[in-house]
Amino acid sequence: MYPPCTLYAVQCKTARTFYVGTTIRHKKKRFKEHFAGWGCKWTKRHGCRRILGSWSVDPGLASQLENELWMYYARIYGPDRVRGGDVTIVDRGTDELPDWVKPAEFGGTRYVEWG
């Protein structure tokens, strides 16, 4: 049996931007990485204002739950304002997601079964 994962949501410093992630490490250590600016490319670009929530989840469900949480925030703020799960691409020049990454629900070409 594997130890539980932590699923979490970050509100970035840039207005209306968010990041969702999972970790198997101690969550406070992972959160410190985001606040320090090297947790991931998205929080490095947009900063980390606060942790919105964290939940202990089964490792076998972590990826699906992370994608569903991404979808939740994407439906509220738009897919170009959220990263995490299977949507982690960060282009140097823009926050806009390419169509091949963007789920069809948002006008992209990707079919997903999230949320």
N, C-alpha and C. Protein backbone atom coordinates (compact mmCIF):
# COMPACT_ATOMS: atom_id res chain seq x y z
N MET A 1 0.85 -1.18 0.00
CA MET A 1 0.00 0.00 0.00
C MET A 1 0.89 1.24 0.00
N TYR A 2 0.53 2.20 -0.83
CA TYR A 2 1.28 3.44 -0.94
C TYR A 2 0.74 4.48 0.03
N PRO A 3 1.61 5.38 0.48
CA PRO A 3 1.11 6.48 1.33
C PRO A 3 0.23 7.40 0.49
N PRO A 4 -0.65 8.15 1.13
CA PRO A 4 -1.53 9.04 0.38
C PRO A 4 -0.75 10.17 -0.30
N CYS A 5 -1.33 10.69 -1.36
CA CYS A 5 -0.81 11.86 -2.04
C CYS A 5 -1.55 13.09 -1.51
N THR A 6 -0.99 14.24 -1.76
CA THR A 6 -1.68 15.49 -1.45
C THR A 6 -2.06 16.17 -2.76
N LEU A 7 -3.33 16.43 -2.92
CA LEU A 7 -3.86 17.23 -4.02
C LEU A 7 -4.03 18.64 -3.48
N TYR A 8 -3.63 19.66 -4.26
CA TYR A 8 -3.71 21.02 -3.74
C TYR A 8 -4.01 22.02 -4.85
N ALA A 9 -4.49 23.18 -4.45
CA ALA A 9 -4.77 24.28 -5.38
C ALA A 9 -4.08 25.54 -4.89
N VAL A 10 -3.46 26.26 -5.82
CA VAL A 10 -2.72 27.47 -5.53
C VAL A 10 -3.39 28.65 -6.23
N GLN A 11 -3.57 29.74 -5.51
CA GLN A 11 -3.95 31.00 -6.14
C GLN A 11 -2.66 31.75 -6.41
N CYS A 12 -2.44 32.11 -7.66
CA CYS A 12 -1.21 32.81 -8.04
C CYS A 12 -1.33 34.31 -7.77
N LYS A 13 -0.19 34.98 -7.78
CA LYS A 13 -0.17 36.43 -7.57
C LYS A 13 -0.80 37.18 -8.74
N THR A 14 -0.61 36.69 -9.96
CA THR A 14 -1.25 37.29 -11.11
C THR A 14 -2.75 37.08 -10.97
N ALA A 15 -3.51 38.14 -11.15
CA ALA A 15 -4.96 38.07 -10.98
C ALA A 15 -5.59 36.95 -11.80
N ARG A 16 -6.47 36.21 -11.17
CA ARG A 16 -7.27 35.17 -11.82
C ARG A 16 -6.43 34.06 -12.46
N THR A 17 -5.29 33.71 -11.85
CA THR A 17 -4.50 32.57 -12.32
C THR A 17 -4.34 31.58 -11.17
N PHE A 18 -4.32 30.29 -11.54
CA PHE A 18 -4.33 29.22 -10.55
C PHE A 18 -3.46 28.06 -11.01
N TYR A 19 -3.03 27.27 -10.05
CA TYR A 19 -2.27 26.06 -10.32
C TYR A 19 -2.83 24.95 -9.45
N VAL A 20 -2.97 23.76 -10.01
CA VAL A 20 -3.35 22.59 -9.22
C VAL A 20 -2.26 21.54 -9.36
N GLY A 21 -2.00 20.82 -8.28
CA GLY A 21 -0.94 19.83 -8.32
C GLY A 21 -1.16 18.72 -7.33
N THR A 22 -0.31 17.72 -7.42
CA THR A 22 -0.27 16.64 -6.43
C THR A 22 1.18 16.39 -6.07
N THR A 23 1.38 15.88 -4.88
CA THR A 23 2.73 15.52 -4.45
C THR A 23 2.67 14.33 -3.51
N ILE A 24 3.72 13.52 -3.55
CA ILE A 24 3.83 12.43 -2.58
C ILE A 24 4.76 12.82 -1.44
N ARG A 25 5.42 13.96 -1.62
CA ARG A 25 6.33 14.45 -0.58
C ARG A 25 5.54 15.21 0.48
N HIS A 26 6.21 15.66 1.51
CA HIS A 26 5.54 16.44 2.54
C HIS A 26 5.00 17.72 1.91
N LYS A 27 3.74 18.00 2.11
CA LYS A 27 3.11 19.12 1.40
C LYS A 27 3.73 20.47 1.71
N LYS A 28 4.16 20.69 2.94
CA LYS A 28 4.74 22.00 3.28
C LYS A 28 6.04 22.23 2.52
N LYS A 29 6.80 21.17 2.28
CA LYS A 29 8.03 21.30 1.51
C LYS A 29 7.71 21.67 0.06
N ARG A 30 6.70 21.03 -0.49
CA ARG A 30 6.30 21.33 -1.87
C ARG A 30 5.76 22.75 -1.98
N PHE A 31 4.96 23.18 -1.01
CA PHE A 31 4.41 24.53 -1.04
C PHE A 31 5.52 25.57 -0.97
N LYS A 32 6.54 25.32 -0.15
CA LYS A 32 7.68 26.25 -0.06
C LYS A 32 8.36 26.41 -1.41
N GLU A 33 8.45 25.32 -2.18
CA GLU A 33 9.05 25.41 -3.51
C GLU A 33 8.25 26.36 -4.40
N HIS A 34 6.94 26.26 -4.35
CA HIS A 34 6.10 27.16 -5.16
C HIS A 34 6.30 28.61 -4.72
N PHE A 35 6.30 28.87 -3.43
CA PHE A 35 6.46 30.24 -2.93
C PHE A 35 7.86 30.79 -3.25
N ALA A 36 8.85 29.91 -3.33
CA ALA A 36 10.22 30.33 -3.63
C ALA A 36 10.42 30.60 -5.13
N GLY A 37 9.44 30.21 -5.95
CA GLY A 37 9.53 30.48 -7.38
C GLY A 37 10.16 29.39 -8.20
N TRP A 38 10.33 28.21 -7.65
CA TRP A 38 10.87 27.13 -8.46
C TRP A 38 10.07 25.83 -8.32
N GLY A 39 8.82 25.96 -7.91
CA GLY A 39 7.96 24.78 -7.80
C GLY A 39 7.54 24.23 -9.15
N CYS A 40 7.28 25.12 -10.10
CA CYS A 40 6.94 24.75 -11.47
C CYS A 40 7.02 26.01 -12.32
N LYS A 41 7.01 25.86 -13.64
CA LYS A 41 7.13 27.02 -14.52
C LYS A 41 5.96 27.99 -14.34
N TRP A 42 4.76 27.46 -14.11
CA TRP A 42 3.58 28.31 -13.99
C TRP A 42 3.65 29.20 -12.76
N THR A 43 3.97 28.63 -11.60
CA THR A 43 4.05 29.45 -10.39
C THR A 43 5.31 30.32 -10.40
N LYS A 44 6.32 29.90 -11.14
CA LYS A 44 7.49 30.77 -11.31
C LYS A 44 7.09 32.02 -12.09
N ARG A 45 6.27 31.85 -13.12
CA ARG A 45 5.82 32.97 -13.94
C ARG A 45 4.81 33.86 -13.21
N HIS A 46 3.86 33.24 -12.51
CA HIS A 46 2.74 33.99 -11.94
C HIS A 46 2.80 34.17 -10.42
N GLY A 47 3.81 33.63 -9.80
CA GLY A 47 3.93 33.77 -8.35
C GLY A 47 2.92 32.91 -7.60
N CYS A 48 3.06 32.89 -6.32
CA CYS A 48 2.18 32.08 -5.47
C CYS A 48 1.65 32.98 -4.35
N ARG A 49 0.37 33.29 -4.40
CA ARG A 49 -0.25 34.15 -3.39
C ARG A 49 -0.62 33.35 -2.14
N ARG A 50 -1.33 32.22 -2.37
CA ARG A 50 -1.74 31.40 -1.23
C ARG A 50 -2.19 30.02 -1.69
N ILE A 51 -2.17 29.10 -0.75
CA ILE A 51 -2.69 27.76 -0.99
C ILE A 51 -4.18 27.82 -0.68
N LEU A 52 -5.00 27.47 -1.68
CA LEU A 52 -6.45 27.53 -1.50
C LEU A 52 -6.99 26.33 -0.74
N GLY A 53 -6.33 25.20 -0.88
CA GLY A 53 -6.76 24.01 -0.18
C GLY A 53 -5.85 22.85 -0.49
N SER A 54 -5.86 21.87 0.37
CA SER A 54 -5.10 20.64 0.14
C SER A 54 -5.87 19.47 0.72
N TRP A 55 -5.80 18.34 0.02
CA TRP A 55 -6.57 17.17 0.39
C TRP A 55 -5.71 15.92 0.25
N SER A 56 -5.83 15.03 1.19
CA SER A 56 -5.15 13.74 1.12
C SER A 56 -5.98 12.84 0.21
N VAL A 57 -5.33 12.29 -0.82
CA VAL A 57 -6.04 11.46 -1.80
C VAL A 57 -5.29 10.15 -2.04
N ASP A 58 -6.01 9.17 -2.48
CA ASP A 58 -5.44 7.87 -2.83
C ASP A 58 -4.53 8.05 -4.06
N PRO A 59 -3.31 7.51 -4.03
CA PRO A 59 -2.40 7.68 -5.17
C PRO A 59 -2.97 7.18 -6.49
N GLY A 60 -3.82 6.15 -6.43
CA GLY A 60 -4.42 5.62 -7.65
C GLY A 60 -5.44 6.56 -8.28
N LEU A 61 -5.93 7.51 -7.51
CA LEU A 61 -6.92 8.47 -8.00
C LEU A 61 -6.35 9.86 -8.20
N ALA A 62 -5.12 10.07 -7.77
CA ALA A 62 -4.53 11.42 -7.73
C ALA A 62 -4.54 12.11 -9.09
N SER A 63 -4.13 11.43 -10.14
CA SER A 63 -4.06 12.05 -11.47
C SER A 63 -5.45 12.46 -11.95
N GLN A 64 -6.42 11.58 -11.81
CA GLN A 64 -7.79 11.89 -12.23
C GLN A 64 -8.35 13.07 -11.42
N LEU A 65 -8.13 13.06 -10.12
CA LEU A 65 -8.64 14.15 -9.28
C LEU A 65 -7.96 15.48 -9.59
N GLU A 66 -6.68 15.43 -9.90
CA GLU A 66 -5.96 16.65 -10.28
C GLU A 66 -6.53 17.22 -11.58
N ASN A 67 -6.81 16.36 -12.54
CA ASN A 67 -7.42 16.82 -13.79
C ASN A 67 -8.82 17.38 -13.57
N GLU A 68 -9.58 16.75 -12.69
CA GLU A 68 -10.93 17.24 -12.40
C GLU A 68 -10.88 18.59 -11.69
N LEU A 69 -9.90 18.79 -10.81
CA LEU A 69 -9.76 20.08 -10.15
C LEU A 69 -9.31 21.14 -11.15
N TRP A 70 -8.42 20.76 -12.08
CA TRP A 70 -8.05 21.69 -13.16
C TRP A 70 -9.29 22.12 -13.93
N MET A 71 -10.14 21.14 -14.28
CA MET A 71 -11.35 21.42 -15.05
C MET A 71 -12.28 22.36 -14.28
N TYR A 72 -12.39 22.15 -12.98
CA TYR A 72 -13.23 23.00 -12.13
C TYR A 72 -12.78 24.47 -12.25
N TYR A 73 -11.49 24.72 -12.06
CA TYR A 73 -10.98 26.09 -12.15
C TYR A 73 -11.03 26.62 -13.58
N ALA A 74 -10.76 25.78 -14.57
CA ALA A 74 -10.81 26.20 -15.97
C ALA A 74 -12.21 26.64 -16.36
N ARG A 75 -13.22 25.97 -15.85
CA ARG A 75 -14.60 26.36 -16.17
C ARG A 75 -14.96 27.72 -15.56
N ILE A 76 -14.38 28.05 -14.45
CA ILE A 76 -14.67 29.34 -13.81
C ILE A 76 -13.84 30.46 -14.41
N TYR A 77 -12.53 30.25 -14.56
CA TYR A 77 -11.60 31.31 -14.95
C TYR A 77 -11.10 31.22 -16.39
N GLY A 78 -11.36 30.12 -17.05
CA GLY A 78 -10.88 29.90 -18.41
C GLY A 78 -9.64 29.03 -18.41
N PRO A 79 -9.49 28.18 -19.42
CA PRO A 79 -8.38 27.22 -19.44
C PRO A 79 -7.00 27.86 -19.55
N ASP A 80 -6.92 29.06 -20.09
CA ASP A 80 -5.62 29.72 -20.23
C ASP A 80 -5.14 30.33 -18.92
N ARG A 81 -5.96 30.30 -17.88
CA ARG A 81 -5.64 30.90 -16.59
C ARG A 81 -5.25 29.86 -15.53
N VAL A 82 -5.25 28.57 -15.93
CA VAL A 82 -5.02 27.49 -14.97
C VAL A 82 -4.03 26.48 -15.56
N ARG A 83 -3.14 25.98 -14.71
CA ARG A 83 -2.26 24.89 -15.11
C ARG A 83 -2.27 23.83 -14.03
N GLY A 84 -1.93 22.62 -14.45
CA GLY A 84 -1.86 21.48 -13.55
C GLY A 84 -2.44 20.25 -14.21
N GLY A 85 -2.31 19.12 -13.54
CA GLY A 85 -2.80 17.87 -14.12
C GLY A 85 -2.10 17.60 -15.43
N ASP A 86 -2.88 17.24 -16.45
CA ASP A 86 -2.33 16.98 -17.78
C ASP A 86 -2.17 18.25 -18.61
N VAL A 87 -2.42 19.40 -18.01
CA VAL A 87 -2.33 20.67 -18.73
C VAL A 87 -1.24 21.52 -18.06
N THR A 88 0.01 21.23 -18.42
CA THR A 88 1.12 21.91 -17.76
C THR A 88 1.97 22.75 -18.71
N ILE A 89 1.65 22.75 -19.98
CA ILE A 89 2.47 23.48 -20.95
C ILE A 89 2.49 24.97 -20.62
N VAL A 90 3.70 25.53 -20.62
CA VAL A 90 3.88 26.97 -20.38
C VAL A 90 4.79 27.48 -21.50
N ASP A 91 4.18 28.23 -22.41
CA ASP A 91 4.91 28.82 -23.53
C ASP A 91 5.62 30.08 -23.06
N ARG A 92 6.76 30.37 -23.63
CA ARG A 92 7.51 31.57 -23.22
C ARG A 92 6.76 32.87 -23.50
N GLY A 93 6.06 32.93 -24.60
CA GLY A 93 5.48 34.20 -25.01
C GLY A 93 4.03 34.43 -24.62
N THR A 94 3.31 33.39 -24.23
CA THR A 94 1.89 33.55 -23.99
C THR A 94 1.39 32.52 -22.97
N ASP A 95 0.26 32.83 -22.35
CA ASP A 95 -0.40 31.87 -21.47
C ASP A 95 -1.47 31.07 -22.20
N GLU A 96 -1.72 31.42 -23.46
CA GLU A 96 -2.75 30.73 -24.23
C GLU A 96 -2.33 29.30 -24.53
N LEU A 97 -3.25 28.38 -24.32
CA LEU A 97 -2.98 26.97 -24.59
C LEU A 97 -3.17 26.66 -26.07
N PRO A 98 -2.30 25.82 -26.63
CA PRO A 98 -2.51 25.40 -28.02
C PRO A 98 -3.75 24.51 -28.10
N ASP A 99 -4.39 24.48 -29.25
CA ASP A 99 -5.63 23.70 -29.43
C ASP A 99 -5.45 22.22 -29.10
N TRP A 100 -4.27 21.65 -29.38
CA TRP A 100 -4.07 20.22 -29.14
C TRP A 100 -4.02 19.89 -27.65
N VAL A 101 -3.81 20.88 -26.79
CA VAL A 101 -3.80 20.67 -25.34
C VAL A 101 -5.16 21.00 -24.74
N LYS A 102 -5.83 21.98 -25.31
CA LYS A 102 -7.08 22.49 -24.78
C LYS A 102 -8.22 21.49 -25.00
N PRO A 103 -8.94 21.14 -23.93
CA PRO A 103 -10.10 20.24 -24.10
C PRO A 103 -11.14 20.83 -25.05
N ALA A 104 -11.85 19.94 -25.75
CA ALA A 104 -12.85 20.34 -26.74
C ALA A 104 -13.90 21.26 -26.13
N GLU A 105 -14.23 21.06 -24.86
CA GLU A 105 -15.20 21.91 -24.18
C GLU A 105 -14.82 23.39 -24.27
N PHE A 106 -13.53 23.66 -24.41
CA PHE A 106 -13.04 25.04 -24.47
C PHE A 106 -12.61 25.44 -25.88
N GLY A 107 -13.04 24.68 -26.87
CA GLY A 107 -12.72 25.02 -28.25
C GLY A 107 -11.48 24.36 -28.79
N GLY A 108 -10.84 23.50 -28.01
CA GLY A 108 -9.65 22.79 -28.47
C GLY A 108 -10.01 21.51 -29.19
N THR A 109 -9.01 20.73 -29.50
CA THR A 109 -9.22 19.48 -30.24
C THR A 109 -9.07 18.24 -29.36
N ARG A 110 -8.83 18.43 -28.10
CA ARG A 110 -8.55 17.30 -27.20
C ARG A 110 -9.83 16.81 -26.52
N TYR A 111 -10.06 15.51 -26.63
CA TYR A 111 -11.20 14.90 -25.94
C TYR A 111 -10.73 14.39 -24.59
N VAL A 112 -11.41 14.80 -23.51
CA VAL A 112 -11.05 14.37 -22.16
C VAL A 112 -12.30 13.89 -21.43
N GLU A 113 -12.10 13.09 -20.42
CA GLU A 113 -13.19 12.62 -19.56
C GLU A 113 -12.95 13.11 -18.14
N TRP A 114 -12.83 14.41 -17.98
CA TRP A 114 -12.58 15.01 -16.67
C TRP A 114 -13.80 15.77 -16.23
N GLY A 115 -14.09 15.66 -14.97
CA GLY A 115 -15.12 16.46 -14.32
C GLY A 115 -16.39 16.53 -15.06
